[in-house]
Full PDB file with SEQRES, HELIX, SHEET, SSBOND, CRYST1, ORIGX, SCALE, CONECT and MASTER records, all heavy atoms in Angstrom:
SEQRES   1 A   44  LEU ILE GLY PRO ALA ALA THR LEU ALA VAL VAL PRO ASP          
SEQRES   2 A   44  PRO LEU THR CYS TYR ALA GLY ALA VAL TYR ASP GLN VAL          
SEQRES   3 A   44  ASN ARG TYR ARG LEU ALA GLU ASP ALA ALA LEU VAL SER          
SEQRES   4 A   44  VAL ASP TRP LEU THR                                          
SHEET    1 AA1 2 THR A   7  VAL A  10  0                                        
SHEET    2 AA1 2 ALA A  36  SER A  39  1                                        
CRYST1    1.000    1.000    1.000  90.00  90.00  90.00 P 1           1          
ORIGX1      1.000000  0.000000  0.000000        0.00000                         
ORIGX2      0.000000  1.000000  0.000000        0.00000                         
ORIGX3      0.000000  0.000000  1.000000        0.00000                         
SCALE1      1.000000  0.000000  0.000000        0.00000                         
SCALE2      0.000000  1.000000  0.000000        0.00000                         
SCALE3      0.000000  0.000000  1.000000        0.00000                         
ATOM      1  N   LEU A   1      72.285  23.590 -78.000  1.00  0.00           N  
ATOM      2  CA  LEU A   1      70.878  23.429 -78.351  1.00  0.00           C  
ATOM      3  C   LEU A   1      70.194  22.899 -77.101  1.00  0.00           C  
ATOM      4  O   LEU A   1      70.546  21.827 -76.597  1.00  0.00           O  
ATOM      5  CB  LEU A   1      70.706  22.445 -79.512  1.00  0.00           C  
ATOM      6  CG  LEU A   1      69.273  22.099 -79.899  1.00  0.00           C  
ATOM      7  CD1 LEU A   1      68.511  23.338 -80.330  1.00  0.00           C  
ATOM      8  CD2 LEU A   1      69.273  21.053 -81.000  1.00  0.00           C  
ATOM      9  N   ILE A   2      69.246  23.654 -76.561  1.00  0.00           N  
ATOM     10  CA  ILE A   2      68.551  23.281 -75.333  1.00  0.00           C  
ATOM     11  C   ILE A   2      67.158  22.815 -75.732  1.00  0.00           C  
ATOM     12  O   ILE A   2      66.343  23.607 -76.207  1.00  0.00           O  
ATOM     13  CB  ILE A   2      68.502  24.467 -74.350  1.00  0.00           C  
ATOM     14  CG1 ILE A   2      69.931  25.020 -74.133  1.00  0.00           C  
ATOM     15  CG2 ILE A   2      67.887  24.038 -73.025  1.00  0.00           C  
ATOM     16  CD1 ILE A   2      69.974  26.340 -73.424  1.00  0.00           C  
ATOM     17  N   GLY A   3      66.906  21.534 -75.571  1.00  0.00           N  
ATOM     18  CA  GLY A   3      65.695  20.898 -76.073  1.00  0.00           C  
ATOM     19  C   GLY A   3      64.451  21.207 -75.265  1.00  0.00           C  
ATOM     20  O   GLY A   3      64.491  21.879 -74.223  1.00  0.00           O  
ATOM     21  N   PRO A   4      63.310  20.704 -75.720  1.00  0.00           N  
ATOM     22  CA  PRO A   4      62.027  20.956 -75.062  1.00  0.00           C  
ATOM     23  C   PRO A   4      62.048  20.563 -73.584  1.00  0.00           C  
ATOM     24  O   PRO A   4      62.552  19.501 -73.220  1.00  0.00           O  
ATOM     25  CB  PRO A   4      61.043  20.077 -75.844  1.00  0.00           C  
ATOM     26  CG  PRO A   4      61.682  19.911 -77.186  1.00  0.00           C  
ATOM     27  CD  PRO A   4      63.161  19.877 -76.927  1.00  0.00           C  
ATOM     28  N   ALA A   5      61.534  21.457 -72.747  1.00  0.00           N  
ATOM     29  CA  ALA A   5      61.396  21.268 -71.305  1.00  0.00           C  
ATOM     30  C   ALA A   5      62.737  21.135 -70.579  1.00  0.00           C  
ATOM     31  O   ALA A   5      62.767  20.807 -69.403  1.00  0.00           O  
ATOM     32  CB  ALA A   5      60.504  20.075 -70.991  1.00  0.00           C  
ATOM     33  N   ALA A   6      63.847  21.396 -71.257  1.00  0.00           N  
ATOM     34  CA  ALA A   6      65.179  21.274 -70.643  1.00  0.00           C  
ATOM     35  C   ALA A   6      65.622  22.608 -70.046  1.00  0.00           C  
ATOM     36  O   ALA A   6      65.173  23.673 -70.464  1.00  0.00           O  
ATOM     37  CB  ALA A   6      66.193  20.820 -71.683  1.00  0.00           C  
ATOM     38  N   THR A   7      66.488  22.509 -69.049  1.00  0.00           N  
ATOM     39  CA  THR A   7      67.101  23.689 -68.448  1.00  0.00           C  
ATOM     40  C   THR A   7      68.606  23.495 -68.457  1.00  0.00           C  
ATOM     41  O   THR A   7      69.103  22.449 -68.026  1.00  0.00           O  
ATOM     42  CB  THR A   7      66.626  23.886 -66.995  1.00  0.00           C  
ATOM     43  OG1 THR A   7      65.212  24.087 -66.993  1.00  0.00           O  
ATOM     44  CG2 THR A   7      67.307  25.089 -66.360  1.00  0.00           C  
ATOM     45  N   LEU A   8      69.325  24.489 -68.943  1.00  0.00           N  
ATOM     46  CA  LEU A   8      70.786  24.460 -68.940  1.00  0.00           C  
ATOM     47  C   LEU A   8      71.290  25.563 -68.020  1.00  0.00           C  
ATOM     48  O   LEU A   8      70.856  26.709 -68.120  1.00  0.00           O  
ATOM     49  CB  LEU A   8      71.345  24.692 -70.353  1.00  0.00           C  
ATOM     50  CG  LEU A   8      72.877  24.805 -70.462  1.00  0.00           C  
ATOM     51  CD1 LEU A   8      73.555  23.496 -70.074  1.00  0.00           C  
ATOM     52  CD2 LEU A   8      73.269  25.226 -71.873  1.00  0.00           C  
ATOM     53  N   ALA A   9      72.184  25.206 -67.105  1.00  0.00           N  
ATOM     54  CA  ALA A   9      72.851  26.188 -66.240  1.00  0.00           C  
ATOM     55  C   ALA A   9      74.332  26.166 -66.586  1.00  0.00           C  
ATOM     56  O   ALA A   9      74.990  25.132 -66.435  1.00  0.00           O  
ATOM     57  CB  ALA A   9      72.633  25.854 -64.776  1.00  0.00           C  
ATOM     58  N   VAL A  10      74.834  27.289 -67.074  1.00  0.00           N  
ATOM     59  CA  VAL A  10      76.251  27.431 -67.407  1.00  0.00           C  
ATOM     60  C   VAL A  10      76.847  28.348 -66.351  1.00  0.00           C  
ATOM     61  O   VAL A  10      76.616  29.557 -66.357  1.00  0.00           O  
ATOM     62  CB  VAL A  10      76.440  28.018 -68.823  1.00  0.00           C  
ATOM     63  CG1 VAL A  10      77.921  28.159 -69.149  1.00  0.00           C  
ATOM     64  CG2 VAL A  10      75.742  27.151 -69.856  1.00  0.00           C  
ATOM     65  N   VAL A  11      77.578  27.752 -65.406  1.00  0.00           N  
ATOM     66  CA  VAL A  11      78.093  28.490 -64.253  1.00  0.00           C  
ATOM     67  C   VAL A  11      79.578  28.129 -64.073  1.00  0.00           C  
ATOM     68  O   VAL A  11      79.946  27.391 -63.162  1.00  0.00           O  
ATOM     69  CB  VAL A  11      77.281  28.169 -62.980  1.00  0.00           C  
ATOM     70  CG1 VAL A  11      77.703  29.073 -61.828  1.00  0.00           C  
ATOM     71  CG2 VAL A  11      75.786  28.309 -63.237  1.00  0.00           C  
ATOM     72  N   PRO A  12      80.442  28.640 -64.957  1.00  0.00           N  
ATOM     73  CA  PRO A  12      81.868  28.331 -64.831  1.00  0.00           C  
ATOM     74  C   PRO A  12      82.527  29.153 -63.728  1.00  0.00           C  
ATOM     75  O   PRO A  12      81.918  30.088 -63.188  1.00  0.00           O  
ATOM     76  CB  PRO A  12      82.421  28.741 -66.204  1.00  0.00           C  
ATOM     77  CG  PRO A  12      81.538  29.891 -66.596  1.00  0.00           C  
ATOM     78  CD  PRO A  12      80.158  29.529 -66.075  1.00  0.00           C  
ATOM     79  N   ASP A  13      83.755  28.798 -63.402  1.00  0.00           N  
ATOM     80  CA  ASP A  13      84.565  29.674 -62.565  1.00  0.00           C  
ATOM     81  C   ASP A  13      84.848  30.938 -63.363  1.00  0.00           C  
ATOM     82  O   ASP A  13      84.757  30.934 -64.597  1.00  0.00           O  
ATOM     83  CB  ASP A  13      85.881  28.990 -62.190  1.00  0.00           C  
ATOM     84  CG  ASP A  13      85.689  27.877 -61.174  1.00  0.00           C  
ATOM     85  OD1 ASP A  13      84.651  27.865 -60.500  1.00  0.00           O  
ATOM     86  OD2 ASP A  13      86.580  27.024 -61.056  1.00  0.00           O  
ATOM     87  N   PRO A  14      85.216  32.030 -62.704  1.00  0.00           N  
ATOM     88  CA  PRO A  14      85.432  33.269 -63.454  1.00  0.00           C  
ATOM     89  C   PRO A  14      86.660  33.196 -64.360  1.00  0.00           C  
ATOM     90  O   PRO A  14      87.647  32.518 -64.062  1.00  0.00           O  
ATOM     91  CB  PRO A  14      85.617  34.321 -62.360  1.00  0.00           C  
ATOM     92  CG  PRO A  14      86.031  33.566 -61.159  1.00  0.00           C  
ATOM     93  CD  PRO A  14      85.400  32.215 -61.262  1.00  0.00           C  
ATOM     94  N   LEU A  15      86.564  33.890 -65.461  1.00  0.00           N  
ATOM     95  CA  LEU A  15      87.653  34.042 -66.417  1.00  0.00           C  
ATOM     96  C   LEU A  15      88.717  34.953 -65.816  1.00  0.00           C  
ATOM     97  O   LEU A  15      88.391  35.972 -65.202  1.00  0.00           O  
ATOM     98  CB  LEU A  15      87.080  34.666 -67.695  1.00  0.00           C  
ATOM     99  CG  LEU A  15      88.028  35.223 -68.736  1.00  0.00           C  
ATOM    100  CD1 LEU A  15      88.761  34.084 -69.428  1.00  0.00           C  
ATOM    101  CD2 LEU A  15      87.249  36.045 -69.751  1.00  0.00           C  
ATOM    102  N   THR A  16      89.992  34.590 -65.989  1.00  0.00           N  
ATOM    103  CA  THR A  16      91.091  35.446 -65.551  1.00  0.00           C  
ATOM    104  C   THR A  16      92.016  35.681 -66.727  1.00  0.00           C  
ATOM    105  O   THR A  16      92.575  34.727 -67.284  1.00  0.00           O  
ATOM    106  CB  THR A  16      91.871  34.810 -64.383  1.00  0.00           C  
ATOM    107  OG1 THR A  16      90.982  34.640 -63.282  1.00  0.00           O  
ATOM    108  CG2 THR A  16      93.036  35.693 -63.955  1.00  0.00           C  
ATOM    109  N   CYS A  17      92.148  36.931 -67.130  1.00  0.00           N  
ATOM    110  CA  CYS A  17      93.033  37.297 -68.230  1.00  0.00           C  
ATOM    111  C   CYS A  17      94.273  37.972 -67.661  1.00  0.00           C  
ATOM    112  O   CYS A  17      94.177  38.962 -66.933  1.00  0.00           O  
ATOM    113  CB  CYS A  17      92.322  38.243 -69.202  1.00  0.00           C  
ATOM    114  SG  CYS A  17      90.964  37.449 -70.080  1.00  0.00           S  
ATOM    115  N   TYR A  18      95.444  37.434 -68.006  1.00  0.00           N  
ATOM    116  CA  TYR A  18      96.702  37.987 -67.522  1.00  0.00           C  
ATOM    117  C   TYR A  18      97.029  39.280 -68.279  1.00  0.00           C  
ATOM    118  O   TYR A  18      96.434  39.576 -69.323  1.00  0.00           O  
ATOM    119  CB  TYR A  18      97.831  36.984 -67.712  1.00  0.00           C  
ATOM    120  CG  TYR A  18      97.697  35.718 -66.889  1.00  0.00           C  
ATOM    121  CD1 TYR A  18      96.609  35.477 -66.053  1.00  0.00           C  
ATOM    122  CD2 TYR A  18      98.663  34.738 -66.957  1.00  0.00           C  
ATOM    123  CE1 TYR A  18      96.503  34.325 -65.304  1.00  0.00           C  
ATOM    124  CE2 TYR A  18      98.569  33.577 -66.207  1.00  0.00           C  
ATOM    125  CZ  TYR A  18      97.487  33.370 -65.387  1.00  0.00           C  
ATOM    126  OH  TYR A  18      97.394  32.219 -64.640  1.00  0.00           O  
ATOM    127  N   ALA A  19      97.971  40.029 -67.771  1.00  0.00           N  
ATOM    128  CA  ALA A  19      98.401  41.274 -68.428  1.00  0.00           C  
ATOM    129  C   ALA A  19      98.791  40.966 -69.870  1.00  0.00           C  
ATOM    130  O   ALA A  19      99.499  40.004 -70.146  1.00  0.00           O  
ATOM    131  CB  ALA A  19      99.573  41.893 -67.679  1.00  0.00           C  
ATOM    132  N   GLY A  20      98.282  41.785 -70.787  1.00  0.00           N  
ATOM    133  CA  GLY A  20      98.606  41.623 -72.203  1.00  0.00           C  
ATOM    134  C   GLY A  20      97.764  40.603 -72.943  1.00  0.00           C  
ATOM    135  O   GLY A  20      97.938  40.408 -74.142  1.00  0.00           O  
ATOM    136  N   ALA A  21      96.826  39.949 -72.280  1.00  0.00           N  
ATOM    137  CA  ALA A  21      95.989  38.934 -72.924  1.00  0.00           C  
ATOM    138  C   ALA A  21      94.984  39.580 -73.872  1.00  0.00           C  
ATOM    139  O   ALA A  21      94.494  40.686 -73.633  1.00  0.00           O  
ATOM    140  CB  ALA A  21      95.254  38.114 -71.872  1.00  0.00           C  
ATOM    141  N   VAL A  22      94.666  38.866 -74.948  1.00  0.00           N  
ATOM    142  CA  VAL A  22      93.621  39.272 -75.890  1.00  0.00           C  
ATOM    143  C   VAL A  22      92.664  38.091 -75.991  1.00  0.00           C  
ATOM    144  O   VAL A  22      93.054  36.991 -76.402  1.00  0.00           O  
ATOM    145  CB  VAL A  22      94.198  39.614 -77.280  1.00  0.00           C  
ATOM    146  CG1 VAL A  22      93.078  40.031 -78.228  1.00  0.00           C  
ATOM    147  CG2 VAL A  22      95.258  40.696 -77.180  1.00  0.00           C  
ATOM    148  N   TYR A  23      91.406  38.307 -75.616  1.00  0.00           N  
ATOM    149  CA  TYR A  23      90.449  37.201 -75.510  1.00  0.00           C  
ATOM    150  C   TYR A  23      89.129  37.586 -76.155  1.00  0.00           C  
ATOM    151  O   TYR A  23      88.612  38.691 -75.950  1.00  0.00           O  
ATOM    152  CB  TYR A  23      90.226  36.855 -74.033  1.00  0.00           C  
ATOM    153  CG  TYR A  23      89.278  35.714 -73.788  1.00  0.00           C  
ATOM    154  CD1 TYR A  23      89.637  34.403 -74.072  1.00  0.00           C  
ATOM    155  CD2 TYR A  23      88.010  35.948 -73.254  1.00  0.00           C  
ATOM    156  CE1 TYR A  23      88.767  33.348 -73.828  1.00  0.00           C  
ATOM    157  CE2 TYR A  23      87.138  34.899 -73.000  1.00  0.00           C  
ATOM    158  CZ  TYR A  23      87.520  33.603 -73.296  1.00  0.00           C  
ATOM    159  OH  TYR A  23      86.657  32.564 -73.049  1.00  0.00           O  
ATOM    160  N   ASP A  24      88.565  36.643 -76.913  1.00  0.00           N  
ATOM    161  CA  ASP A  24      87.289  36.846 -77.590  1.00  0.00           C  
ATOM    162  C   ASP A  24      86.425  35.609 -77.350  1.00  0.00           C  
ATOM    163  O   ASP A  24      86.843  34.492 -77.661  1.00  0.00           O  
ATOM    164  CB  ASP A  24      87.514  37.057 -79.084  1.00  0.00           C  
ATOM    165  CG  ASP A  24      86.218  37.213 -79.842  1.00  0.00           C  
ATOM    166  OD1 ASP A  24      85.502  38.196 -79.597  1.00  0.00           O  
ATOM    167  OD2 ASP A  24      85.910  36.333 -80.675  1.00  0.00           O  
ATOM    168  N   GLN A  25      85.254  35.809 -76.783  1.00  0.00           N  
ATOM    169  CA  GLN A  25      84.364  34.691 -76.456  1.00  0.00           C  
ATOM    170  C   GLN A  25      82.983  34.940 -77.041  1.00  0.00           C  
ATOM    171  O   GLN A  25      82.440  36.041 -76.931  1.00  0.00           O  
ATOM    172  CB  GLN A  25      84.263  34.555 -74.943  1.00  0.00           C  
ATOM    173  CG  GLN A  25      83.243  33.535 -74.470  1.00  0.00           C  
ATOM    174  CD  GLN A  25      83.142  33.526 -72.963  1.00  0.00           C  
ATOM    175  OE1 GLN A  25      84.085  33.140 -72.289  1.00  0.00           O  
ATOM    176  NE2 GLN A  25      82.007  33.976 -72.433  1.00  0.00           N  
ATOM    177  N   VAL A  26      82.419  33.897 -77.653  1.00  0.00           N  
ATOM    178  CA  VAL A  26      81.045  33.954 -78.139  1.00  0.00           C  
ATOM    179  C   VAL A  26      80.320  32.712 -77.633  1.00  0.00           C  
ATOM    180  O   VAL A  26      80.761  31.585 -77.884  1.00  0.00           O  
ATOM    181  CB  VAL A  26      80.964  34.021 -79.677  1.00  0.00           C  
ATOM    182  CG1 VAL A  26      79.511  34.024 -80.134  1.00  0.00           C  
ATOM    183  CG2 VAL A  26      81.699  35.238 -80.210  1.00  0.00           C  
ATOM    184  N   ASN A  27      79.229  32.918 -76.901  1.00  0.00           N  
ATOM    185  CA  ASN A  27      78.369  31.832 -76.443  1.00  0.00           C  
ATOM    186  C   ASN A  27      77.038  31.943 -77.169  1.00  0.00           C  
ATOM    187  O   ASN A  27      76.385  32.990 -77.110  1.00  0.00           O  
ATOM    188  CB  ASN A  27      78.131  31.910 -74.935  1.00  0.00           C  
ATOM    189  CG  ASN A  27      79.393  31.633 -74.139  1.00  0.00           C  
ATOM    190  OD1 ASN A  27      80.332  31.016 -74.626  1.00  0.00           O  
ATOM    191  ND2 ASN A  27      79.415  32.096 -72.908  1.00  0.00           N  
ATOM    192  N   ARG A  28      76.659  30.866 -77.863  1.00  0.00           N  
ATOM    193  CA  ARG A  28      75.387  30.841 -78.593  1.00  0.00           C  
ATOM    194  C   ARG A  28      74.494  29.766 -77.989  1.00  0.00           C  
ATOM    195  O   ARG A  28      74.892  28.604 -77.882  1.00  0.00           O  
ATOM    196  CB  ARG A  28      75.627  30.552 -80.067  1.00  0.00           C  
ATOM    197  CG  ARG A  28      76.316  31.678 -80.797  1.00  0.00           C  
ATOM    198  CD  ARG A  28      76.399  31.429 -82.302  1.00  0.00           C  
ATOM    199  NE  ARG A  28      76.995  32.562 -82.959  1.00  0.00           N  
ATOM    200  CZ  ARG A  28      78.277  32.646 -83.293  1.00  0.00           C  
ATOM    201  NH1 ARG A  28      79.094  31.636 -83.049  1.00  0.00           N  
ATOM    202  NH2 ARG A  28      78.738  33.722 -83.895  1.00  0.00           N  
ATOM    203  N   TYR A  29      73.292  30.186 -77.625  1.00  0.00           N  
ATOM    204  CA  TYR A  29      72.317  29.270 -77.035  1.00  0.00           C  
ATOM    205  C   TYR A  29      71.061  29.283 -77.890  1.00  0.00           C  
ATOM    206  O   TYR A  29      70.493  30.346 -78.133  1.00  0.00           O  
ATOM    207  CB  TYR A  29      71.958  29.698 -75.608  1.00  0.00           C  
ATOM    208  CG  TYR A  29      73.145  29.797 -74.687  1.00  0.00           C  
ATOM    209  CD1 TYR A  29      73.715  31.037 -74.402  1.00  0.00           C  
ATOM    210  CD2 TYR A  29      73.690  28.665 -74.090  1.00  0.00           C  
ATOM    211  CE1 TYR A  29      74.803  31.133 -73.547  1.00  0.00           C  
ATOM    212  CE2 TYR A  29      74.772  28.758 -73.234  1.00  0.00           C  
ATOM    213  CZ  TYR A  29      75.322  29.993 -72.968  1.00  0.00           C  
ATOM    214  OH  TYR A  29      76.389  30.099 -72.122  1.00  0.00           O  
ATOM    215  N   ARG A  30      70.632  28.108 -78.313  1.00  0.00           N  
ATOM    216  CA  ARG A  30      69.379  27.988 -79.059  1.00  0.00           C  
ATOM    217  C   ARG A  30      68.407  27.211 -78.188  1.00  0.00           C  
ATOM    218  O   ARG A  30      68.648  26.043 -77.876  1.00  0.00           O  
ATOM    219  CB  ARG A  30      69.622  27.276 -80.382  1.00  0.00           C  
ATOM    220  CG  ARG A  30      68.390  27.226 -81.233  1.00  0.00           C  
ATOM    221  CD  ARG A  30      68.688  26.661 -82.592  1.00  0.00           C  
ATOM    222  NE  ARG A  30      67.456  26.494 -83.318  1.00  0.00           N  
ATOM    223  CZ  ARG A  30      67.343  25.801 -84.430  1.00  0.00           C  
ATOM    224  NH1 ARG A  30      68.407  25.232 -84.946  1.00  0.00           N  
ATOM    225  NH2 ARG A  30      66.191  25.700 -85.024  1.00  0.00           N  
ATOM    226  N   LEU A  31      67.336  27.873 -77.774  1.00  0.00           N  
ATOM    227  CA  LEU A  31      66.379  27.285 -76.850  1.00  0.00           C  
ATOM    228  C   LEU A  31      65.112  26.861 -77.572  1.00  0.00           C  
ATOM    229  O   LEU A  31      64.606  27.594 -78.427  1.00  0.00           O  
ATOM    230  CB  LEU A  31      65.965  28.295 -75.768  1.00  0.00           C  
ATOM    231  CG  LEU A  31      66.905  28.534 -74.592  1.00  0.00           C  
ATOM    232  CD1 LEU A  31      68.162  29.252 -75.021  1.00  0.00           C  
ATOM    233  CD2 LEU A  31      66.197  29.328 -73.517  1.00  0.00           C  
ATOM    234  N   ALA A  32      64.599  25.691 -77.208  1.00  0.00           N  
ATOM    235  CA  ALA A  32      63.251  25.317 -77.622  1.00  0.00           C  
ATOM    236  C   ALA A  32      62.285  26.288 -76.943  1.00  0.00           C  
ATOM    237  O   ALA A  32      62.645  26.973 -75.983  1.00  0.00           O  
ATOM    238  CB  ALA A  32      62.952  23.876 -77.204  1.00  0.00           C  
ATOM    239  N   GLU A  33      61.067  26.358 -77.429  1.00  0.00           N  
ATOM    240  CA  GLU A  33      60.098  27.331 -76.913  1.00  0.00           C  
ATOM    241  C   GLU A  33      59.916  27.252 -75.402  1.00  0.00           C  
ATOM    242  O   GLU A  33      59.732  28.266 -74.743  1.00  0.00           O  
ATOM    243  CB  GLU A  33      58.743  27.156 -77.605  1.00  0.00           C  
ATOM    244  CG  GLU A  33      58.700  27.658 -79.031  1.00  0.00           C  
ATOM    245  CD  GLU A  33      58.840  29.171 -79.150  1.00  0.00           C  
ATOM    246  OE1 GLU A  33      58.485  29.888 -78.194  1.00  0.00           O  
ATOM    247  OE2 GLU A  33      59.319  29.633 -80.194  1.00  0.00           O  
ATOM    248  N   ASP A  34      59.967  26.035 -74.828  1.00  0.00           N  
ATOM    249  CA  ASP A  34      59.742  25.892 -73.387  1.00  0.00           C  
ATOM    250  C   ASP A  34      61.021  25.532 -72.623  1.00  0.00           C  
ATOM    251  O   ASP A  34      60.967  25.041 -71.505  1.00  0.00           O  
ATOM    252  CB  ASP A  34      58.645  24.860 -73.111  1.00  0.00           C  
ATOM    253  CG  ASP A  34      58.995  23.478 -73.641  1.00  0.00           C  
ATOM    254  OD1 ASP A  34      59.954  23.353 -74.439  1.00  0.00           O  
ATOM    255  OD2 ASP A  34      58.312  22.509 -73.262  1.00  0.00           O  
ATOM    256  N   ALA A  35      62.177  25.805 -73.210  1.00  0.00           N  
ATOM    257  CA  ALA A  35      63.451  25.548 -72.539  1.00  0.00           C  
ATOM    258  C   ALA A  35      63.850  26.754 -71.696  1.00  0.00           C  
ATOM    259  O   ALA A  35      63.261  27.836 -71.811  1.00  0.00           O  
ATOM    260  CB  ALA A  35      64.531  25.248 -73.578  1.00  0.00           C  
ATOM    261  N   ALA A  36      64.861  26.560 -70.840  1.00  0.00           N  
ATOM    262  CA  ALA A  36      65.315  27.643 -69.967  1.00  0.00           C  
ATOM    263  C   ALA A  36      66.841  27.633 -69.885  1.00  0.00           C  
ATOM    264  O   ALA A  36      67.483  26.591 -70.051  1.00  0.00           O  
ATOM    265  CB  ALA A  36      64.713  27.500 -68.576  1.00  0.00           C  
ATOM    266  N   LEU A  37      67.389  28.812 -69.592  1.00  0.00           N  
ATOM    267  CA  LEU A  37      68.843  28.979 -69.526  1.00  0.00           C  
ATOM    268  C   LEU A  37      69.214  29.883 -68.358  1.00  0.00           C  
ATOM    269  O   LEU A  37      68.592  30.923 -68.143  1.00  0.00           O  
ATOM    270  CB  LEU A  37      69.358  29.624 -70.831  1.00  0.00           C  
ATOM    271  CG  LEU A  37      70.809  30.113 -70.825  1.00  0.00           C  
ATOM    272  CD1 LEU A  37      71.791  28.950 -70.786  1.00  0.00           C  
ATOM    273  CD2 LEU A  37      71.070  30.989 -72.054  1.00  0.00           C  
ATOM    274  N   VAL A  38      70.239  29.472 -67.621  1.00  0.00           N  
ATOM    275  CA  VAL A  38      70.904  30.325 -66.646  1.00  0.00           C  
ATOM    276  C   VAL A  38      72.352  30.420 -67.112  1.00  0.00           C  
ATOM    277  O   VAL A  38      73.072  29.420 -67.147  1.00  0.00           O  
ATOM    278  CB  VAL A  38      70.858  29.742 -65.216  1.00  0.00           C  
ATOM    279  CG1 VAL A  38      71.630  30.635 -64.259  1.00  0.00           C  
ATOM    280  CG2 VAL A  38      69.428  29.547 -64.768  1.00  0.00           C  
ATOM    281  N   SER A  39      72.766  31.610 -67.505  1.00  0.00           N  
ATOM    282  CA  SER A  39      74.128  31.826 -67.991  1.00  0.00           C  
ATOM    283  C   SER A  39      74.835  32.810 -67.067  1.00  0.00           C  
ATOM    284  O   SER A  39      74.375  33.934 -66.882  1.00  0.00           O  
ATOM    285  CB  SER A  39      74.085  32.395 -69.419  1.00  0.00           C  
ATOM    286  OG  SER A  39      75.359  32.884 -69.801  1.00  0.00           O  
ATOM    287  N   VAL A  40      75.957  32.373 -66.484  1.00  0.00           N  
ATOM    288  CA  VAL A  40      76.777  33.233 -65.642  1.00  0.00           C  
ATOM    289  C   VAL A  40      78.105  33.412 -66.361  1.00  0.00           C  
ATOM    290  O   VAL A  40      78.842  32.456 -66.586  1.00  0.00           O  
ATOM    291  CB  VAL A  40      77.005  32.617 -64.243  1.00  0.00           C  
ATOM    292  CG1 VAL A  40      77.917  33.517 -63.416  1.00  0.00           C  
ATOM    293  CG2 VAL A  40      75.682  32.382 -63.540  1.00  0.00           C  
ATOM    294  N   ASP A  41      78.382  34.633 -66.750  1.00  0.00           N  
ATOM    295  CA  ASP A  41      79.622  34.957 -67.456  1.00  0.00           C  
ATOM    296  C   ASP A  41      80.340  35.994 -66.610  1.00  0.00           C  
ATOM    297  O   ASP A  41      79.849  37.117 -66.460  1.00  0.00           O  
ATOM    298  CB  ASP A  41      79.275  35.526 -68.837  1.00  0.00           C  
ATOM    299  CG  ASP A  41      80.329  35.238 -69.876  1.00  0.00           C  
ATOM    300  OD1 ASP A  41      81.345  34.626 -69.538  1.00  0.00           O  
ATOM    301  OD2 ASP A  41      80.114  35.636 -71.027  1.00  0.00           O  
ATOM    302  N   TRP A  42      81.489  35.638 -66.020  1.00  0.00           N  
ATOM    303  CA  TRP A  42      82.151  36.576 -65.132  1.00  0.00           C  
ATOM    304  C   TRP A  42      83.648  36.513 -65.303  1.00  0.00           C  
ATOM    305  O   TRP A  42      84.205  35.531 -65.760  1.00  0.00           O  
ATOM    306  CB  TRP A  42      81.702  36.376 -63.710  1.00  0.00           C  
ATOM    307  CG  TRP A  42      81.810  35.013 -63.069  1.00  0.00           C  
ATOM    308  CD1 TRP A  42      81.688  33.796 -63.666  1.00  0.00           C  
ATOM    309  CD2 TRP A  42      82.035  34.759 -61.684  1.00  0.00           C  
ATOM    310  NE1 TRP A  42      81.812  32.801 -62.725  1.00  0.00           N  
ATOM    311  CE2 TRP A  42      82.025  33.355 -61.504  1.00  0.00           C  
ATOM    312  CE3 TRP A  42      82.219  35.561 -60.577  1.00  0.00           C  
ATOM    313  CZ2 TRP A  42      82.209  32.746 -60.275  1.00  0.00           C  
ATOM    314  CZ3 TRP A  42      82.403  34.951 -59.340  1.00  0.00           C  
ATOM    315  CH2 TRP A  42      82.397  33.569 -59.204  1.00  0.00           C  
ATOM    316  N   LEU A  43      84.289  37.623 -64.965  1.00  0.00           N  
ATOM    317  CA  LEU A  43      85.737  37.694 -65.094  1.00  0.00           C  
ATOM    318  C   LEU A  43      86.337  38.501 -63.953  1.00  0.00           C  
ATOM    319  O   LEU A  43      85.675  39.373 -63.382  1.00  0.00           O  
ATOM    320  CB  LEU A  43      86.159  38.291 -66.437  1.00  0.00           C  
ATOM    321  CG  LEU A  43      85.892  39.762 -66.703  1.00  0.00           C  
ATOM    322  CD1 LEU A  43      86.973  40.310 -67.619  1.00  0.00           C  
ATOM    323  CD2 LEU A  43      84.544  39.955 -67.345  1.00  0.00           C  
ATOM    324  N   THR A  44      87.584  38.174 -63.655  1.00  0.00           N  
ATOM    325  CA  THR A  44      88.322  38.890 -62.619  1.00  0.00           C  
ATOM    326  C   THR A  44      89.165  39.970 -63.271  1.00  0.00           C  
ATOM    327  O   THR A  44      89.325  40.011 -64.490  1.00  0.00           O  
ATOM    328  CB  THR A  44      89.256  37.950 -61.833  1.00  0.00           C  
ATOM    329  OG1 THR A  44      90.358  37.570 -62.678  1.00  0.00           O  
ATOM    330  CG2 THR A  44      88.513  36.712 -61.344  1.00  0.00           C  
TER     331      THR A  44                                                      
MASTER        0    0    0    0    2    0    0    6  330    1    0    4          
END                                                                             
């Protein structure tokens, strides 16, 4: 939950899935009207 006038930056290291891996990811962001988000989702 990103509150009024707030900015959230989600910048993790990249995801690495090994051979045979099964992975499921859900990111939910709820922003106030004047909030901001930078989301970096990356994988190797």
